[in-house]
Amino acid sequence: CLEGQSQWAAALEAYLRVVALYPAETFYPEALLRGALMYSALDQPAKALPLLTELINDYPAADCAPQAIAERKRLAPAVTAE
């Protein structure tokens, strides 16, 4: 797993590919979250927020929605400060 090997950019590319190609799949919300987390790991919180917002707004019942809400709250001040 690229993410487990701290290969954030490669992992991000893989998650964004899933987001682009498989929007109707059940794993789509998780791909949004993981992509956002990779942006965060790459110190790009402004790019993470739209993915988190999409997950929260469009998939509020997803298992990963609570984590997305927490991550958005954590990142929002960093984006505001930019």
N, C-alpha and C. Protein backbone atom coordinates (compact mmCIF):
# COMPACT_ATOMS: atom_id res chain seq x y z
N CYS A 1 0.84 -1.18 0.00
CA CYS A 1 0.00 0.00 0.00
C CYS A 1 0.89 1.25 0.00
N LEU A 2 0.69 2.10 -0.98
CA LEU A 2 1.50 3.30 -1.11
C LEU A 2 1.38 4.21 0.10
N GLU A 3 0.18 4.32 0.62
CA GLU A 3 -0.06 5.18 1.78
C GLU A 3 0.74 4.67 2.98
N GLY A 4 0.75 3.37 3.19
CA GLY A 4 1.48 2.78 4.30
C GLY A 4 2.98 2.95 4.18
N GLN A 5 3.45 3.17 2.96
CA GLN A 5 4.88 3.37 2.72
C GLN A 5 5.25 4.85 2.69
N SER A 6 4.31 5.69 3.10
CA SER A 6 4.51 7.15 3.10
C SER A 6 4.79 7.71 1.71
N GLN A 7 4.25 7.07 0.70
CA GLN A 7 4.36 7.56 -0.66
C GLN A 7 3.09 8.36 -0.98
N TRP A 8 2.99 9.54 -0.32
CA TRP A 8 1.74 10.31 -0.34
C TRP A 8 1.32 10.72 -1.74
N ALA A 9 2.26 11.20 -2.56
CA ALA A 9 1.90 11.68 -3.90
C ALA A 9 1.37 10.55 -4.77
N ALA A 10 2.01 9.40 -4.71
CA ALA A 10 1.55 8.26 -5.51
C ALA A 10 0.21 7.75 -5.00
N ALA A 11 0.04 7.73 -3.69
CA ALA A 11 -1.24 7.32 -3.11
C ALA A 11 -2.34 8.30 -3.51
N LEU A 12 -2.03 9.59 -3.46
CA LEU A 12 -3.01 10.61 -3.85
C LEU A 12 -3.44 10.39 -5.29
N GLU A 13 -2.50 10.16 -6.17
CA GLU A 13 -2.82 9.93 -7.58
C GLU A 13 -3.76 8.73 -7.73
N ALA A 14 -3.52 7.68 -7.00
CA ALA A 14 -4.37 6.49 -7.06
C ALA A 14 -5.78 6.79 -6.55
N TYR A 15 -5.88 7.50 -5.44
CA TYR A 15 -7.21 7.83 -4.90
C TYR A 15 -7.97 8.76 -5.84
N LEU A 16 -7.27 9.74 -6.42
CA LEU A 16 -7.95 10.65 -7.35
C LEU A 16 -8.39 9.93 -8.62
N ARG A 17 -7.66 8.92 -9.02
CA ARG A 17 -8.07 8.11 -10.17
C ARG A 17 -9.37 7.38 -9.85
N VAL A 18 -9.47 6.83 -8.65
CA VAL A 18 -10.71 6.16 -8.22
C VAL A 18 -11.86 7.16 -8.21
N VAL A 19 -11.62 8.36 -7.67
CA VAL A 19 -12.66 9.39 -7.61
C VAL A 19 -13.13 9.74 -9.02
N ALA A 20 -12.21 9.86 -9.96
CA ALA A 20 -12.56 10.24 -11.33
C ALA A 20 -13.28 9.14 -12.08
N LEU A 21 -12.90 7.90 -11.83
CA LEU A 21 -13.41 6.79 -12.65
C LEU A 21 -14.58 6.02 -12.06
N TYR A 22 -14.78 6.07 -10.75
CA TYR A 22 -15.76 5.19 -10.12
C TYR A 22 -16.71 5.93 -9.16
N PRO A 23 -17.37 7.00 -9.61
CA PRO A 23 -18.22 7.77 -8.70
C PRO A 23 -19.45 7.02 -8.18
N ALA A 24 -19.84 5.96 -8.85
CA ALA A 24 -21.05 5.23 -8.43
C ALA A 24 -20.73 4.05 -7.51
N GLU A 25 -19.48 3.80 -7.24
CA GLU A 25 -19.10 2.64 -6.44
C GLU A 25 -19.23 2.92 -4.94
N THR A 26 -19.43 1.87 -4.18
CA THR A 26 -19.60 2.01 -2.73
C THR A 26 -18.33 2.51 -2.04
N PHE A 27 -17.18 2.31 -2.65
CA PHE A 27 -15.92 2.74 -2.05
C PHE A 27 -15.58 4.19 -2.39
N TYR A 28 -16.42 4.87 -3.15
CA TYR A 28 -16.17 6.25 -3.56
C TYR A 28 -15.98 7.19 -2.36
N PRO A 29 -16.87 7.17 -1.35
CA PRO A 29 -16.66 8.07 -0.20
C PRO A 29 -15.31 7.85 0.49
N GLU A 30 -14.91 6.61 0.62
CA GLU A 30 -13.61 6.31 1.25
C GLU A 30 -12.47 6.87 0.40
N ALA A 31 -12.61 6.78 -0.93
CA ALA A 31 -11.58 7.34 -1.81
C ALA A 31 -11.50 8.86 -1.65
N LEU A 32 -12.65 9.52 -1.49
CA LEU A 32 -12.65 10.96 -1.23
C LEU A 32 -11.88 11.27 0.05
N LEU A 33 -12.19 10.53 1.10
CA LEU A 33 -11.51 10.76 2.38
C LEU A 33 -10.02 10.51 2.26
N ARG A 34 -9.64 9.38 1.69
CA ARG A 34 -8.21 9.05 1.59
C ARG A 34 -7.48 10.08 0.73
N GLY A 35 -8.11 10.53 -0.35
CA GLY A 35 -7.50 11.58 -1.17
C GLY A 35 -7.28 12.85 -0.37
N ALA A 36 -8.28 13.23 0.41
CA ALA A 36 -8.15 14.42 1.25
C ALA A 36 -7.03 14.25 2.27
N LEU A 37 -6.93 13.08 2.86
CA LEU A 37 -5.86 12.83 3.83
C LEU A 37 -4.48 12.89 3.18
N MET A 38 -4.39 12.45 1.92
CA MET A 38 -3.10 12.54 1.22
C MET A 38 -2.76 13.99 0.92
N TYR A 39 -3.74 14.79 0.50
CA TYR A 39 -3.49 16.22 0.31
C TYR A 39 -3.00 16.84 1.61
N SER A 40 -3.62 16.46 2.71
CA SER A 40 -3.21 16.98 4.01
C SER A 40 -1.77 16.57 4.32
N ALA A 41 -1.43 15.32 4.06
CA ALA A 41 -0.07 14.84 4.30
C ALA A 41 0.95 15.57 3.44
N LEU A 42 0.51 16.02 2.27
CA LEU A 42 1.38 16.77 1.36
C LEU A 42 1.33 18.27 1.63
N ASP A 43 0.72 18.66 2.75
CA ASP A 43 0.61 20.06 3.16
C ASP A 43 -0.14 20.90 2.12
N GLN A 44 -1.25 20.35 1.63
CA GLN A 44 -2.11 21.04 0.68
C GLN A 44 -3.56 21.01 1.19
N PRO A 45 -3.82 21.61 2.35
CA PRO A 45 -5.16 21.52 2.93
C PRO A 45 -6.24 22.16 2.08
N ALA A 46 -5.92 23.18 1.30
CA ALA A 46 -6.94 23.83 0.46
C ALA A 46 -7.47 22.86 -0.59
N LYS A 47 -6.66 21.92 -1.02
CA LYS A 47 -7.11 20.93 -1.99
C LYS A 47 -7.86 19.79 -1.32
N ALA A 48 -7.62 19.59 -0.04
CA ALA A 48 -8.31 18.53 0.70
C ALA A 48 -9.75 18.91 1.01
N LEU A 49 -10.00 20.18 1.30
CA LEU A 49 -11.33 20.60 1.75
C LEU A 49 -12.45 20.30 0.76
N PRO A 50 -12.29 20.52 -0.55
CA PRO A 50 -13.40 20.18 -1.46
C PRO A 50 -13.76 18.69 -1.45
N LEU A 51 -12.77 17.83 -1.31
CA LEU A 51 -13.06 16.39 -1.25
C LEU A 51 -13.83 16.06 0.02
N LEU A 52 -13.42 16.64 1.13
CA LEU A 52 -14.11 16.41 2.39
C LEU A 52 -15.53 16.96 2.35
N THR A 53 -15.70 18.13 1.78
CA THR A 53 -17.02 18.74 1.69
C THR A 53 -17.95 17.89 0.82
N GLU A 54 -17.44 17.39 -0.30
CA GLU A 54 -18.25 16.51 -1.15
C GLU A 54 -18.69 15.27 -0.39
N LEU A 55 -17.78 14.66 0.32
CA LEU A 55 -18.11 13.47 1.10
C LEU A 55 -19.18 13.79 2.14
N ILE A 56 -18.99 14.86 2.89
CA ILE A 56 -19.92 15.22 3.96
C ILE A 56 -21.30 15.56 3.39
N ASN A 57 -21.33 16.33 2.31
CA ASN A 57 -22.61 16.76 1.75
C ASN A 57 -23.34 15.66 0.98
N ASP A 58 -22.59 14.88 0.21
CA ASP A 58 -23.22 13.90 -0.68
C ASP A 58 -23.34 12.50 -0.09
N TYR A 59 -22.55 12.20 0.93
CA TYR A 59 -22.54 10.86 1.53
C TYR A 59 -22.56 10.95 3.05
N PRO A 60 -23.53 11.65 3.62
CA PRO A 60 -23.54 11.86 5.08
C PRO A 60 -23.69 10.57 5.88
N ALA A 61 -24.23 9.52 5.26
CA ALA A 61 -24.41 8.25 5.97
C ALA A 61 -23.22 7.31 5.81
N ALA A 62 -22.21 7.72 5.06
CA ALA A 62 -21.04 6.86 4.86
C ALA A 62 -20.32 6.64 6.18
N ASP A 63 -19.75 5.46 6.33
CA ASP A 63 -19.01 5.13 7.55
C ASP A 63 -17.88 6.12 7.83
N CYS A 64 -17.30 6.67 6.77
CA CYS A 64 -16.16 7.57 6.94
C CYS A 64 -16.57 9.04 7.08
N ALA A 65 -17.86 9.34 7.03
CA ALA A 65 -18.31 10.74 7.14
C ALA A 65 -17.89 11.40 8.45
N PRO A 66 -18.00 10.73 9.61
CA PRO A 66 -17.55 11.39 10.85
C PRO A 66 -16.06 11.77 10.82
N GLN A 67 -15.25 10.92 10.23
CA GLN A 67 -13.82 11.24 10.13
C GLN A 67 -13.62 12.43 9.20
N ALA A 68 -14.41 12.50 8.13
CA ALA A 68 -14.32 13.63 7.20
C ALA A 68 -14.71 14.93 7.89
N ILE A 69 -15.74 14.89 8.71
CA ILE A 69 -16.16 16.08 9.46
C ILE A 69 -15.04 16.55 10.39
N ALA A 70 -14.46 15.61 11.10
CA ALA A 70 -13.36 15.96 12.02
C ALA A 70 -12.16 16.51 11.27
N GLU A 71 -11.84 15.91 10.15
CA GLU A 71 -10.69 16.37 9.36
C GLU A 71 -10.95 17.76 8.79
N ARG A 72 -12.17 18.02 8.33
CA ARG A 72 -12.49 19.34 7.79
C ARG A 72 -12.36 20.40 8.89
N LYS A 73 -12.83 20.09 10.08
CA LYS A 73 -12.69 21.03 11.20
C LYS A 73 -11.22 21.29 11.52
N ARG A 74 -10.41 20.25 11.43
CA ARG A 74 -8.98 20.39 11.72
C ARG A 74 -8.28 21.23 10.66
N LEU A 75 -8.65 21.05 9.39
CA LEU A 75 -7.96 21.72 8.30
C LEU A 75 -8.45 23.14 8.03
N ALA A 76 -9.69 23.44 8.34
CA ALA A 76 -10.27 24.74 8.00
C ALA A 76 -9.43 25.92 8.51
N PRO A 77 -8.94 25.90 9.75
CA PRO A 77 -8.12 27.04 10.20
C PRO A 77 -6.83 27.20 9.39
N ALA A 78 -6.24 26.09 8.96
CA ALA A 78 -5.01 26.17 8.17
C ALA A 78 -5.27 26.82 6.82
N VAL A 79 -6.42 26.53 6.23
CA VAL A 79 -6.76 27.11 4.93
C VAL A 79 -7.07 28.59 5.08
N THR A 80 -7.77 28.94 6.14
CA THR A 80 -8.11 30.34 6.39
C THR A 80 -6.85 31.17 6.58
N ALA A 81 -5.83 30.57 7.16
CA ALA A 81 -4.58 31.28 7.43
C ALA A 81 -3.72 31.48 6.18
N GLU A 82 -4.02 30.75 5.11
CA GLU A 82 -3.19 30.84 3.89
C GLU A 82 -3.36 32.17 3.19
